[in-house]
C-alpha atoms as a PDB file:
ATOM      1  CA  MET A   1       7.798  -8.620 -17.347  1.00  0.00           C
ATOM      2  CA  ILE A   2       9.709 -11.213 -15.293  1.00  0.00           C
ATOM      3  CA  LYS A   3      12.922  -9.174 -15.647  1.00  0.00           C
ATOM      4  CA  ILE A   4      11.187  -6.057 -14.344  1.00  0.00           C
ATOM      5  CA  ILE A   5       9.816  -7.947 -11.332  1.00  0.00           C
ATOM      6  CA  LEU A   6      13.254  -9.421 -10.533  1.00  0.00           C
ATOM      7  CA  ILE A   7      14.910  -6.000 -10.795  1.00  0.00           C
ATOM      8  CA  LEU A   8      12.285  -4.456  -8.497  1.00  0.00           C
ATOM      9  CA  ILE A   9      12.587  -7.266  -5.944  1.00  0.00           C
ATOM     10  CA  SER A  10      16.384  -6.963  -5.861  1.00  0.00           C
ATOM     11  CA  PHE A  11      16.051  -3.179  -5.451  1.00  0.00           C
ATOM     12  CA  MET A  12      13.566  -3.598  -2.601  1.00  0.00           C
ATOM     13  CA  LEU A  13      15.769  -6.148  -0.853  1.00  0.00           C
ATOM     14  CA  SER A  14      18.840  -3.949  -1.162  1.00  0.00           C
ATOM     15  CA  THR A  15      19.568  -1.809   1.879  1.00  0.00           C
ATOM     16  CA  ILE A  16      22.620  -0.032   0.491  1.00  0.00           C
ATOM     17  CA  SER A  17      20.920   3.252  -0.349  1.00  0.00           C
ATOM     18  CA  TRP A  18      18.026   3.108   2.135  1.00  0.00           C
ATOM     19  CA  ALA A  19      18.919   2.792   5.817  1.00  0.00           C
ATOM     20  CA  THR A  20      15.652   1.969   7.586  1.00  0.00           C
ATOM     21  CA  GLY A  21      11.941   1.427   7.090  1.00  0.00           C
ATOM     22  CA  TYR A  22       9.292  -1.286   7.230  1.00  0.00           C
ATOM     23  CA  ASP A  23       8.641  -4.412   5.221  1.00  0.00           C
ATOM     24  CA  VAL A  24       4.892  -5.003   4.939  1.00  0.00           C
ATOM     25  CA  ILE A  25       3.293  -8.380   4.237  1.00  0.00           C
ATOM     26  CA  ALA A  26      -0.483  -8.291   3.758  1.00  0.00           C
ATOM     27  CA  VAL A  27      -3.334 -10.640   2.919  1.00  0.00           C
ATOM     28  CA  GLY A  28      -6.821  -9.471   2.133  1.00  0.00           C
ATOM     29  CA  ALA A  29      -9.965  -9.482   0.030  1.00  0.00           C
ATOM     30  CA  TYR A  30      -9.689  -8.094  -3.509  1.00  0.00           C
ATOM     31  CA  GLY A  31     -12.910  -6.843  -5.112  1.00  0.00           C
ATOM     32  CA  VAL A  32     -14.813  -5.743  -2.003  1.00  0.00           C
ATOM     33  CA  ASP A  33     -17.588  -3.540  -3.363  1.00  0.00           C
ATOM     34  CA  VAL A  34     -20.639  -2.181  -1.618  1.00  0.00           C
ATOM     35  CA  LYS A  35     -23.661  -2.652  -3.878  1.00  0.00           C
ATOM     36  CA  PHE A  36     -27.176  -1.714  -2.946  1.00  0.00           C
ATOM     37  CA  ASP A  37     -28.877  -3.985  -5.494  1.00  0.00           C
ATOM     38  CA  GLY A  38     -27.837  -7.207  -3.758  1.00  0.00           C
ATOM     39  CA  SER A  39     -25.385  -8.256  -6.483  1.00  0.00           C
ATOM     40  CA  GLN A  40     -21.805  -9.138  -5.700  1.00  0.00           C
ATOM     41  CA  ASP A  41     -18.569  -9.237  -7.714  1.00  0.00           C
ATOM     42  CA  ASN A  42     -16.257 -12.201  -7.551  1.00  0.00           C
ATOM     43  CA  LEU A  43     -13.857 -11.831  -4.659  1.00  0.00           C
ATOM     44  CA  ALA A  44     -10.219 -12.881  -4.899  1.00  0.00           C
ATOM     45  CA  THR A  45      -7.538 -13.231  -2.251  1.00  0.00           C
ATOM     46  CA  ASP A  46      -5.024 -10.384  -2.338  1.00  0.00           C
ATOM     47  CA  TYR A  47      -1.354 -10.822  -1.381  1.00  0.00           C
ATOM     48  CA  ARG A  48       0.819  -7.716  -1.023  1.00  0.00           C
ATOM     49  CA  TYR A  49       4.436  -6.981  -0.212  1.00  0.00           C
ATOM     50  CA  GLU A  50       5.660  -3.410   0.311  1.00  0.00           C
ATOM     51  CA  ARG A  51       8.950  -1.919   1.321  1.00  0.00           C
ATOM     52  CA  ARG A  52       8.378   1.440   3.023  1.00  0.00           C
ATOM     53  CA  PHE A  53      11.497   3.541   3.223  1.00  0.00           C
ATOM     54  CA  ASP A  54      11.873   5.882   6.186  1.00  0.00           C
ATOM     55  CA  ASN A  55      13.870   8.451   4.203  1.00  0.00           C
ATOM     56  CA  SER A  56      11.822  11.584   3.683  1.00  0.00           C
ATOM     57  CA  ILE A  57      11.846  12.821   0.082  1.00  0.00           C
ATOM     58  CA  LEU A  58       9.951  16.035   0.817  1.00  0.00           C
ATOM     59  CA  ASN A  59       9.150  17.875   4.031  1.00  0.00           C
ATOM     60  CA  ILE A  60       5.994  19.946   3.625  1.00  0.00           C
ATOM     61  CA  GLY A  61       5.258  20.821   7.238  1.00  0.00           C
ATOM     62  CA  PRO A  62       6.840  21.821  10.521  1.00  0.00           C
ATOM     63  CA  GLU A  63       9.827  19.741  11.711  1.00  0.00           C
ATOM     64  CA  SER A  64       8.001  18.832  14.922  1.00  0.00           C
ATOM     65  CA  GLU A  65       5.252  17.049  12.973  1.00  0.00           C
ATOM     66  CA  ASN A  66       6.506  13.985  11.077  1.00  0.00           C
ATOM     67  CA  PHE A  67       3.075  13.544   9.446  1.00  0.00           C
ATOM     68  CA  PHE A  68       4.108  16.007   6.745  1.00  0.00           C
ATOM     69  CA  TYR A  69       7.172  14.043   5.594  1.00  0.00           C
ATOM     70  CA  LEU A  70       6.546  12.339   2.264  1.00  0.00           C
ATOM     71  CA  LYS A  71       8.345   8.971   2.138  1.00  0.00           C
ATOM     72  CA  PRO A  72       8.708   6.508  -0.768  1.00  0.00           C
ATOM     73  CA  PHE A  73       7.528   2.914  -1.007  1.00  0.00           C
ATOM     74  CA  ALA A  74       7.569   0.146  -3.622  1.00  0.00           C
ATOM     75  CA  GLY A  75       5.619  -3.081  -3.796  1.00  0.00           C
ATOM     76  CA  LEU A  76       4.155  -6.066  -5.534  1.00  0.00           C
ATOM     77  CA  GLU A  77       0.539  -7.216  -5.290  1.00  0.00           C
ATOM     78  CA  LEU A  78      -0.811 -10.567  -6.512  1.00  0.00           C
ATOM     79  CA  THR A  79      -4.307 -12.043  -6.443  1.00  0.00           C
ATOM     80  CA  SER A  80      -5.652 -15.582  -6.452  1.00  0.00           C
ATOM     81  CA  ASP A  81      -7.036 -14.732  -9.941  1.00  0.00           C
ATOM     82  CA  SER A  82      -3.443 -14.278 -11.253  1.00  0.00           C
ATOM     83  CA  ALA A  83      -3.646 -10.473 -11.408  1.00  0.00           C
ATOM     84  CA  THR A  84      -0.303  -8.732 -10.798  1.00  0.00           C
ATOM     85  CA  TYR A  85       0.332  -5.136  -9.772  1.00  0.00           C
ATOM     86  CA  LEU A  86       3.855  -3.687  -9.576  1.00  0.00           C
ATOM     87  CA  PHE A  87       3.768  -0.257  -7.949  1.00  0.00           C
ATOM     88  CA  GLY A  88       5.525   2.554  -6.133  1.00  0.00           C
ATOM     89  CA  GLY A  89       4.496   5.793  -4.502  1.00  0.00           C
ATOM     90  CA  ILE A  90       4.570   8.001  -1.430  1.00  0.00           C
ATOM     91  CA  TYR A  91       3.137   7.681   2.042  1.00  0.00           C
ATOM     92  CA  LEU A  92       2.695   9.775   5.167  1.00  0.00           C
ATOM     93  CA  GLU A  93       2.784   8.407   8.681  1.00  0.00           C
ATOM     94  CA  ASP A  94       1.568   9.773  11.990  1.00  0.00           C
ATOM     95  CA  ASN A  95       1.148   8.570  15.517  1.00  0.00           C
ATOM     96  CA  LEU A  96      -2.582   8.899  16.268  1.00  0.00           C
ATOM     97  CA  GLY A  97      -1.938   9.781  19.898  1.00  0.00           C
ATOM     98  CA  THR A  98       0.256  12.707  18.885  1.00  0.00           C
ATOM     99  CA  LEU A  99      -2.280  13.743  16.273  1.00  0.00           C
ATOM    100  CA  PHE A 100      -5.253  13.861  18.678  1.00  0.00           C
ATOM    101  CA  THR A 101      -3.948  14.269  22.230  1.00  0.00           C
ATOM    102  CA  GLY A 102      -0.351  15.400  21.821  1.00  0.00           C
ATOM    103  CA  GLU A 103       0.955  12.235  23.526  1.00  0.00           C
ATOM    104  CA  LYS A 104       2.418   9.255  21.673  1.00  0.00           C
ATOM    105  CA  SER A 105       0.434   6.038  21.475  1.00  0.00           C
ATOM    106  CA  ASN A 106       0.955   2.701  19.754  1.00  0.00           C
ATOM    107  CA  PHE A 107      -1.591   3.502  17.028  1.00  0.00           C
ATOM    108  CA  ILE A 108      -0.234   4.635  13.650  1.00  0.00           C
ATOM    109  CA  PHE A 109      -2.136   6.191  10.721  1.00  0.00           C
ATOM    110  CA  THR A 110      -0.625   5.728   7.244  1.00  0.00           C
ATOM    111  CA  PRO A 111      -2.287   7.116   4.096  1.00  0.00           C
ATOM    112  CA  SER A 112      -0.542   6.409   0.779  1.00  0.00           C
ATOM    113  CA  LEU A 113      -0.781   7.127  -2.938  1.00  0.00           C
ATOM    114  CA  GLY A 114       0.903   5.079  -5.656  1.00  0.00           C
ATOM    115  CA  ALA A 115       0.906   4.173  -9.314  1.00  0.00           C
ATOM    116  CA  GLY A 116       2.049   1.129 -11.206  1.00  0.00           C
ATOM    117  CA  TYR A 117       1.702  -1.513 -13.882  1.00  0.00           C
ATOM    118  CA  TYR A 118      -1.319  -3.844 -13.675  1.00  0.00           C
ATOM    119  CA  ASP A 119      -1.680  -7.178 -15.484  1.00  0.00           C
ATOM    120  CA  GLU A 120      -5.224  -8.507 -15.009  1.00  0.00           C
ATOM    121  CA  GLY A 121      -4.371 -12.208 -15.463  1.00  0.00           C
ATOM    122  CA  ASN A 122      -7.729 -13.949 -14.914  1.00  0.00           C
ATOM    123  CA  GLY A 123      -8.827 -11.186 -12.538  1.00  0.00           C
ATOM    124  CA  LYS A 124     -10.865  -8.044 -12.769  1.00  0.00           C
ATOM    125  CA  LYS A 125     -10.474  -5.978 -15.929  1.00  0.00           C
ATOM    126  CA  LEU A 126      -9.650  -2.471 -14.729  1.00  0.00           C
ATOM    127  CA  GLY A 127      -9.506  -0.790 -18.151  1.00  0.00           C
ATOM    128  CA  ASN A 128      -5.778  -0.002 -18.380  1.00  0.00           C
ATOM    129  CA  ASN A 129      -2.341  -1.337 -17.529  1.00  0.00           C
ATOM    130  CA  ILE A 130      -1.524   1.883 -15.659  1.00  0.00           C
ATOM    131  CA  GLU A 131      -3.426   1.923 -12.363  1.00  0.00           C
ATOM    132  CA  PHE A 132      -3.353   4.212  -9.324  1.00  0.00           C
ATOM    133  CA  ARG A 133      -3.739   2.994  -5.732  1.00  0.00           C
ATOM    134  CA  THR A 134      -4.808   4.982  -2.703  1.00  0.00           C
ATOM    135  CA  SER A 135      -4.830   3.453   0.750  1.00  0.00           C
ATOM    136  CA  LEU A 136      -5.687   4.297   4.353  1.00  0.00           C
ATOM    137  CA  GLU A 137      -4.119   2.136   7.028  1.00  0.00           C
ATOM    138  CA  PHE A 138      -4.403   1.945  10.799  1.00  0.00           C
ATOM    139  CA  SER A 139      -1.795  -0.123  12.602  1.00  0.00           C
ATOM    140  CA  TYR A 140      -0.770  -0.972  16.142  1.00  0.00           C
ATOM    141  CA  GLN A 141       2.913  -0.983  17.073  1.00  0.00           C
ATOM    142  CA  LEU A 142       3.991  -3.900  19.265  1.00  0.00           C
ATOM    143  CA  LYS A 143       6.724  -3.743  21.928  1.00  0.00           C
ATOM    144  CA  ASN A 144       9.296  -5.184  19.498  1.00  0.00           C
ATOM    145  CA  LYS A 145       8.512  -2.340  16.992  1.00  0.00           C
ATOM    146  CA  ASN A 146       6.643  -4.722  14.650  1.00  0.00           C
ATOM    147  CA  ARG A 147       3.153  -3.633  13.653  1.00  0.00           C
ATOM    148  CA  VAL A 148      -0.197  -5.228  12.907  1.00  0.00           C
ATOM    149  CA  GLY A 149      -2.423  -3.244  10.571  1.00  0.00           C
ATOM    150  CA  LEU A 150      -5.758  -2.992   8.793  1.00  0.00           C
ATOM    151  CA  SER A 151      -5.959  -1.142   5.484  1.00  0.00           C
ATOM    152  CA  PHE A 152      -8.531  -0.116   2.921  1.00  0.00           C
ATOM    153  CA  GLY A 153      -7.239   0.473  -0.611  1.00  0.00           C
ATOM    154  CA  HIS A 154      -8.748   1.483  -3.931  1.00  0.00           C
ATOM    155  CA  MET A 155      -7.234   0.915  -7.381  1.00  0.00           C
ATOM    156  CA  SER A 156      -8.427   2.634 -10.535  1.00  0.00           C
ATOM    157  CA  ASN A 157      -7.044   4.106 -13.731  1.00  0.00           C
ATOM    158  CA  ALA A 158      -8.317   7.633 -12.994  1.00  0.00           C
ATOM    159  CA  ASN A 159     -10.305   7.588 -16.263  1.00  0.00           C
ATOM    160  CA  ILE A 160      -7.249   7.289 -18.526  1.00  0.00           C
ATOM    161  CA  GLY A 161      -8.639   3.994 -19.890  1.00  0.00           C
ATOM    162  CA  ASP A 162     -11.711   3.138 -21.952  1.00  0.00           C
ATOM    163  CA  LYS A 163     -13.491   2.047 -18.783  1.00  0.00           C
ATOM    164  CA  ASN A 164     -12.733   2.599 -15.108  1.00  0.00           C
ATOM    165  CA  PRO A 165     -14.503   0.107 -12.837  1.00  0.00           C
ATOM    166  CA  GLY A 166     -11.955   0.325 -10.009  1.00  0.00           C
ATOM    167  CA  VAL A 167     -11.523  -2.239  -7.271  1.00  0.00           C
ATOM    168  CA  ASN A 168     -11.498  -2.069  -3.464  1.00  0.00           C
ATOM    169  CA  ILE A 169      -9.143  -4.064  -1.261  1.00  0.00           C
ATOM    170  CA  ILE A 170      -9.318  -4.716   2.493  1.00  0.00           C
ATOM    171  CA  SER A 171      -6.143  -6.183   4.006  1.00  0.00           C
ATOM    172  CA  LEU A 172      -4.608  -7.320   7.257  1.00  0.00           C
ATOM    173  CA  SER A 173      -0.871  -6.719   7.460  1.00  0.00           C
ATOM    174  CA  TYR A 174       2.163  -7.593   9.528  1.00  0.00           C
ATOM    175  CA  GLN A 175       4.977  -5.064   9.367  1.00  0.00           C
ATOM    176  CA  PHE A 176       8.533  -5.419  10.589  1.00  0.00           C
ATOM    177  CA  PRO A 177      11.416  -2.939  10.551  1.00  0.00           C
ATOM    178  CA  PHE A 178      14.512  -3.447   8.457  1.00  0.00           C
ATOM    179  CA  ASN A 179      17.907  -1.823   8.873  1.00  0.00           C
END
């Protein structure tokens, strides 16, 4: 497992084959569930690193709308309960001003979908080592092109395991471009 993590980290830090994108560092609450019976699951602190590549792997919409460009990302997520999640996937990105008013703003919307290997450590048992992660993120782009974001993510095994409790994650992120 350590070898796989080191290979992924060296790949993510390499900029030979990927010209630009964003590095994302996030901290949040892992295990945020809304329950109507008053009970509560144990929360853990979530730490996430992603490298979002700006190279489009598939264009599914008009050239004038960059929202329809599917772009790859890879990442590593750790919790204070020693859970580890090594993942990759695709994301879309759109400027919310362009989306709603036709004029650019500093607000960015980024939905994503990924899959990866999950090791529960002392954390929540999600029913399988293969887990899927969906996320919705809203971020604000600063003058220096860095971004501050808020995201809501959900991990589950999509019923390929014996059980599928899933877990919700709310995170604050700081994003900075790489070249």
